[in-house]
């Protein structure tokens, strides 16, 4: 399987846009609302958005064969939406650069390993699958964030669909 750089760039662009749009909507919340705990995913909007960005950073390192940096979730304890957007901007650019190199070097089908603490054997999968994983991971958690926003009574929630992204780009 060879990659289509344009399609992958669209997926990366949509992922960053949708996450930034959610963080932008959180600017209107009080700090208490942004940090309010729910039994959904990572538990708060703050932690959910930071988790999305942290996963993007970790997977950029893994896909790029770099040492995995310390978790941004551990480095930043109570970020504001603006701080999350700043980390997202840097992380999205990094992930796009790493993925771009993998696509340009025709390495999507190259097998990579991922070790999980406590497991004897590493997981083996292609770099292309790792890219799909990080992008679908973001979709999953953005749905949780929308659910939290709904529970907070936020109206006029954003449509995070890829078509909306293209229409607004």
C-alpha atoms as a PDB file:
ATOM      1  CA  UNK A   1       0.000   0.000   0.000  1.00  0.00           C
ATOM      2  CA  UNK A   2       1.448   3.352  -0.953  1.00  0.00           C
ATOM      3  CA  UNK A   3       0.225   6.537   0.613  1.00  0.00           C
ATOM      4  CA  UNK A   4      -1.509   9.495  -0.911  1.00  0.00           C
ATOM      5  CA  UNK A   5       0.167  12.501   0.670  1.00  0.00           C
ATOM      6  CA  UNK A   6      -2.839  14.719  -0.054  1.00  0.00           C
ATOM      7  CA  UNK A   7      -5.255  12.447   1.789  1.00  0.00           C
ATOM      8  CA  UNK A   8      -2.950  12.063   4.768  1.00  0.00           C
ATOM      9  CA  UNK A   9      -2.375  15.825   4.881  1.00  0.00           C
ATOM     10  CA  UNK A  10      -6.155  16.301   4.923  1.00  0.00           C
ATOM     11  CA  UNK A  11      -6.536  13.851   7.811  1.00  0.00           C
ATOM     12  CA  UNK A  12      -3.798  15.602   9.773  1.00  0.00           C
ATOM     13  CA  UNK A  13      -5.260  19.021   9.027  1.00  0.00           C
ATOM     14  CA  UNK A  14      -8.731  17.974  10.092  1.00  0.00           C
ATOM     15  CA  UNK A  15      -7.395  16.409  13.307  1.00  0.00           C
ATOM     16  CA  UNK A  16      -5.603  19.614  14.326  1.00  0.00           C
ATOM     17  CA  UNK A  17      -8.515  21.872  13.288  1.00  0.00           C
ATOM     18  CA  UNK A  18     -11.168  19.872  15.132  1.00  0.00           C
ATOM     19  CA  UNK A  19      -9.102  19.706  18.316  1.00  0.00           C
ATOM     20  CA  UNK A  20      -8.317  23.433  18.163  1.00  0.00           C
ATOM     21  CA  UNK A  21     -11.987  24.251  17.543  1.00  0.00           C
ATOM     22  CA  UNK A  22     -12.998  22.351  20.674  1.00  0.00           C
ATOM     23  CA  UNK A  23     -10.296  24.063  22.725  1.00  0.00           C
ATOM     24  CA  UNK A  24     -11.419  27.412  21.321  1.00  0.00           C
ATOM     25  CA  UNK A  25     -15.011  26.712  22.427  1.00  0.00           C
ATOM     26  CA  UNK A  26     -13.676  26.004  25.909  1.00  0.00           C
ATOM     27  CA  UNK A  27     -12.379  29.582  26.185  1.00  0.00           C
ATOM     28  CA  UNK A  28     -15.949  30.661  27.058  1.00  0.00           C
ATOM     29  CA  UNK A  29     -16.095  28.258  30.027  1.00  0.00           C
ATOM     30  CA  UNK A  30     -15.141  29.148  33.558  1.00  0.00           C
ATOM     31  CA  UNK A  31     -11.996  27.445  34.882  1.00  0.00           C
ATOM     32  CA  UNK A  32     -14.295  25.367  37.106  1.00  0.00           C
ATOM     33  CA  UNK A  33     -16.328  24.159  34.124  1.00  0.00           C
ATOM     34  CA  UNK A  34     -13.182  23.401  32.117  1.00  0.00           C
ATOM     35  CA  UNK A  35     -11.879  21.279  35.015  1.00  0.00           C
ATOM     36  CA  UNK A  36     -15.233  19.779  36.076  1.00  0.00           C
ATOM     37  CA  UNK A  37     -15.031  16.005  36.469  1.00  0.00           C
ATOM     38  CA  UNK A  38     -17.289  13.638  34.497  1.00  0.00           C
ATOM     39  CA  UNK A  39     -17.170   9.859  34.208  1.00  0.00           C
ATOM     40  CA  UNK A  40     -16.226  10.135  30.543  1.00  0.00           C
ATOM     41  CA  UNK A  41     -12.805   9.348  29.102  1.00  0.00           C
ATOM     42  CA  UNK A  42      -9.997  11.236  30.864  1.00  0.00           C
ATOM     43  CA  UNK A  43     -12.669  12.932  32.993  1.00  0.00           C
ATOM     44  CA  UNK A  44     -12.539  16.664  32.225  1.00  0.00           C
ATOM     45  CA  UNK A  45     -12.406  18.796  29.121  1.00  0.00           C
ATOM     46  CA  UNK A  46      -9.001  20.003  30.236  1.00  0.00           C
ATOM     47  CA  UNK A  47      -7.587  16.481  30.616  1.00  0.00           C
ATOM     48  CA  UNK A  48      -9.323  15.176  27.475  1.00  0.00           C
ATOM     49  CA  UNK A  49      -7.913  17.871  25.203  1.00  0.00           C
ATOM     50  CA  UNK A  50      -4.474  17.585  26.763  1.00  0.00           C
ATOM     51  CA  UNK A  51      -4.633  13.805  26.333  1.00  0.00           C
ATOM     52  CA  UNK A  52      -5.388  14.170  22.611  1.00  0.00           C
ATOM     53  CA  UNK A  53      -2.397  16.467  22.177  1.00  0.00           C
ATOM     54  CA  UNK A  54      -0.187  14.273  24.375  1.00  0.00           C
ATOM     55  CA  UNK A  55      -1.011  11.225  22.278  1.00  0.00           C
ATOM     56  CA  UNK A  56      -0.187  13.129  19.104  1.00  0.00           C
ATOM     57  CA  UNK A  57       3.207  14.033  20.566  1.00  0.00           C
ATOM     58  CA  UNK A  58       3.977  10.503  21.774  1.00  0.00           C
ATOM     59  CA  UNK A  59       2.998   8.961  18.447  1.00  0.00           C
ATOM     60  CA  UNK A  60       5.022  11.526  16.483  1.00  0.00           C
ATOM     61  CA  UNK A  61       8.040  10.378  18.485  1.00  0.00           C
ATOM     62  CA  UNK A  62       7.263   6.675  17.985  1.00  0.00           C
ATOM     63  CA  UNK A  63       6.459   6.968  14.286  1.00  0.00           C
ATOM     64  CA  UNK A  64       9.587   9.082  13.795  1.00  0.00           C
ATOM     65  CA  UNK A  65      11.829   6.572  15.619  1.00  0.00           C
ATOM     66  CA  UNK A  66      12.693   9.143  18.274  1.00  0.00           C
ATOM     67  CA  UNK A  67      12.937   8.786  22.012  1.00  0.00           C
ATOM     68  CA  UNK A  68       9.481   9.395  23.442  1.00  0.00           C
ATOM     69  CA  UNK A  69       9.442  12.714  25.275  1.00  0.00           C
ATOM     70  CA  UNK A  70       7.936  12.995  28.747  1.00  0.00           C
ATOM     71  CA  UNK A  71       4.162  13.063  28.734  1.00  0.00           C
ATOM     72  CA  UNK A  72       2.709  16.526  28.250  1.00  0.00           C
ATOM     73  CA  UNK A  73      -0.113  15.420  30.558  1.00  0.00           C
ATOM     74  CA  UNK A  74       2.483  15.119  33.338  1.00  0.00           C
ATOM     75  CA  UNK A  75       4.306  18.328  32.428  1.00  0.00           C
ATOM     76  CA  UNK A  76       1.271  20.641  32.405  1.00  0.00           C
ATOM     77  CA  UNK A  77      -1.065  20.179  35.355  1.00  0.00           C
ATOM     78  CA  UNK A  78      -3.893  22.671  34.765  1.00  0.00           C
ATOM     79  CA  UNK A  79      -3.593  24.208  31.311  1.00  0.00           C
ATOM     80  CA  UNK A  80      -5.929  26.859  29.971  1.00  0.00           C
ATOM     81  CA  UNK A  81      -7.552  26.416  26.558  1.00  0.00           C
ATOM     82  CA  UNK A  82      -5.011  28.903  25.167  1.00  0.00           C
ATOM     83  CA  UNK A  83      -2.111  26.872  26.543  1.00  0.00           C
ATOM     84  CA  UNK A  84      -3.552  23.691  25.046  1.00  0.00           C
ATOM     85  CA  UNK A  85      -3.940  25.401  21.670  1.00  0.00           C
ATOM     86  CA  UNK A  86      -0.297  26.543  21.796  1.00  0.00           C
ATOM     87  CA  UNK A  87       0.891  23.000  22.595  1.00  0.00           C
ATOM     88  CA  UNK A  88      -1.430  21.639  19.895  1.00  0.00           C
ATOM     89  CA  UNK A  89      -0.050  23.997  17.252  1.00  0.00           C
ATOM     90  CA  UNK A  90       3.505  22.863  17.935  1.00  0.00           C
ATOM     91  CA  UNK A  91       2.539  19.200  18.214  1.00  0.00           C
ATOM     92  CA  UNK A  92       0.375  19.154  15.079  1.00  0.00           C
ATOM     93  CA  UNK A  93       3.222  20.680  13.054  1.00  0.00           C
ATOM     94  CA  UNK A  94       5.643  18.097  14.451  1.00  0.00           C
ATOM     95  CA  UNK A  95       3.302  15.186  13.738  1.00  0.00           C
ATOM     96  CA  UNK A  96       2.677  16.458  10.203  1.00  0.00           C
ATOM     97  CA  UNK A  97       6.425  16.734   9.563  1.00  0.00           C
ATOM     98  CA  UNK A  98       7.096  13.214  10.863  1.00  0.00           C
ATOM     99  CA  UNK A  99       4.219  11.711   8.903  1.00  0.00           C
ATOM    100  CA  UNK A 100       5.256  13.654   5.812  1.00  0.00           C
ATOM    101  CA  UNK A 101       8.728  12.106   5.981  1.00  0.00           C
ATOM    102  CA  UNK A 102       7.272   8.612   6.390  1.00  0.00           C
ATOM    103  CA  UNK A 103       4.999   9.123   3.366  1.00  0.00           C
ATOM    104  CA  UNK A 104       7.687  10.761   1.226  1.00  0.00           C
ATOM    105  CA  UNK A 105      10.134   7.966   2.053  1.00  0.00           C
ATOM    106  CA  UNK A 106       7.453   5.350   1.217  1.00  0.00           C
ATOM    107  CA  UNK A 107       7.643   3.847   4.713  1.00  0.00           C
ATOM    108  CA  UNK A 108       3.915   3.480   5.478  1.00  0.00           C
ATOM    109  CA  UNK A 109       4.180  -0.307   5.270  1.00  0.00           C
ATOM    110  CA  UNK A 110       7.336  -0.492   7.367  1.00  0.00           C
ATOM    111  CA  UNK A 111       6.866  -2.457  10.583  1.00  0.00           C
ATOM    112  CA  UNK A 112       7.499  -0.659  13.839  1.00  0.00           C
ATOM    113  CA  UNK A 113       7.439  -1.911  17.409  1.00  0.00           C
ATOM    114  CA  UNK A 114       5.748  -0.441  20.432  1.00  0.00           C
ATOM    115  CA  UNK A 115       6.600  -1.716  23.890  1.00  0.00           C
ATOM    116  CA  UNK A 116       4.102  -1.436  26.691  1.00  0.00           C
ATOM    117  CA  UNK A 117       5.276  -1.551  30.278  1.00  0.00           C
ATOM    118  CA  UNK A 118       4.381  -4.904  31.818  1.00  0.00           C
ATOM    119  CA  UNK A 119       4.138  -6.764  28.511  1.00  0.00           C
ATOM    120  CA  UNK A 120       6.864  -9.186  27.498  1.00  0.00           C
ATOM    121  CA  UNK A 121       6.476  -8.886  23.753  1.00  0.00           C
ATOM    122  CA  UNK A 122       6.244  -5.622  21.805  1.00  0.00           C
ATOM    123  CA  UNK A 123       3.305  -4.881  19.555  1.00  0.00           C
ATOM    124  CA  UNK A 124       4.271  -4.859  15.862  1.00  0.00           C
ATOM    125  CA  UNK A 125       2.352  -2.911  13.247  1.00  0.00           C
ATOM    126  CA  UNK A 126       2.987  -0.654  10.275  1.00  0.00           C
ATOM    127  CA  UNK A 127       3.764   3.032  10.497  1.00  0.00           C
ATOM    128  CA  UNK A 128       0.639   3.624   8.400  1.00  0.00           C
ATOM    129  CA  UNK A 129      -1.486   1.884  11.022  1.00  0.00           C
ATOM    130  CA  UNK A 130       0.152   3.959  13.767  1.00  0.00           C
ATOM    131  CA  UNK A 131      -0.794   7.114  11.841  1.00  0.00           C
ATOM    132  CA  UNK A 132      -4.387   5.911  11.513  1.00  0.00           C
ATOM    133  CA  UNK A 133      -4.384   5.064  15.209  1.00  0.00           C
ATOM    134  CA  UNK A 134      -3.361   8.528  16.403  1.00  0.00           C
ATOM    135  CA  UNK A 135      -5.878  10.245  14.128  1.00  0.00           C
ATOM    136  CA  UNK A 136      -8.821   8.006  15.053  1.00  0.00           C
ATOM    137  CA  UNK A 137      -7.802   8.323  18.695  1.00  0.00           C
ATOM    138  CA  UNK A 138      -8.434  12.054  18.386  1.00  0.00           C
ATOM    139  CA  UNK A 139     -11.902  11.465  16.915  1.00  0.00           C
ATOM    140  CA  UNK A 140     -12.817   9.200  19.832  1.00  0.00           C
ATOM    141  CA  UNK A 141     -11.795  11.693  22.482  1.00  0.00           C
ATOM    142  CA  UNK A 142     -13.284  14.701  20.680  1.00  0.00           C
ATOM    143  CA  UNK A 143     -16.642  12.891  20.829  1.00  0.00           C
ATOM    144  CA  UNK A 144     -16.145  12.568  24.591  1.00  0.00           C
ATOM    145  CA  UNK A 145     -15.344  16.293  24.809  1.00  0.00           C
ATOM    146  CA  UNK A 146     -18.534  17.143  22.903  1.00  0.00           C
ATOM    147  CA  UNK A 147     -20.476  14.978  25.333  1.00  0.00           C
ATOM    148  CA  UNK A 148     -18.966  16.855  28.278  1.00  0.00           C
ATOM    149  CA  UNK A 149     -19.768  20.212  26.666  1.00  0.00           C
ATOM    150  CA  UNK A 150     -23.349  19.034  26.166  1.00  0.00           C
ATOM    151  CA  UNK A 151     -23.571  18.015  29.828  1.00  0.00           C
ATOM    152  CA  UNK A 152     -22.294  21.453  30.810  1.00  0.00           C
ATOM    153  CA  UNK A 153     -25.234  22.952  28.921  1.00  0.00           C
ATOM    154  CA  UNK A 154     -23.183  24.436  26.093  1.00  0.00           C
ATOM    155  CA  UNK A 155     -25.398  25.056  23.087  1.00  0.00           C
ATOM    156  CA  UNK A 156     -24.480  25.430  19.439  1.00  0.00           C
ATOM    157  CA  UNK A 157     -21.776  22.776  19.599  1.00  0.00           C
ATOM    158  CA  UNK A 158     -19.360  22.740  16.677  1.00  0.00           C
ATOM    159  CA  UNK A 159     -19.731  20.298  13.826  1.00  0.00           C
ATOM    160  CA  UNK A 160     -16.331  18.640  13.677  1.00  0.00           C
ATOM    161  CA  UNK A 161     -16.960  16.798  10.427  1.00  0.00           C
ATOM    162  CA  UNK A 162     -14.210  16.745   7.809  1.00  0.00           C
ATOM    163  CA  UNK A 163     -16.509  18.459   5.310  1.00  0.00           C
ATOM    164  CA  UNK A 164     -16.962  21.346   7.774  1.00  0.00           C
ATOM    165  CA  UNK A 165     -13.177  21.541   8.080  1.00  0.00           C
ATOM    166  CA  UNK A 166     -12.779  21.806   4.326  1.00  0.00           C
ATOM    167  CA  UNK A 167     -15.568  24.378   4.034  1.00  0.00           C
ATOM    168  CA  UNK A 168     -13.868  26.535   6.695  1.00  0.00           C
ATOM    169  CA  UNK A 169     -10.310  26.096   5.426  1.00  0.00           C
END
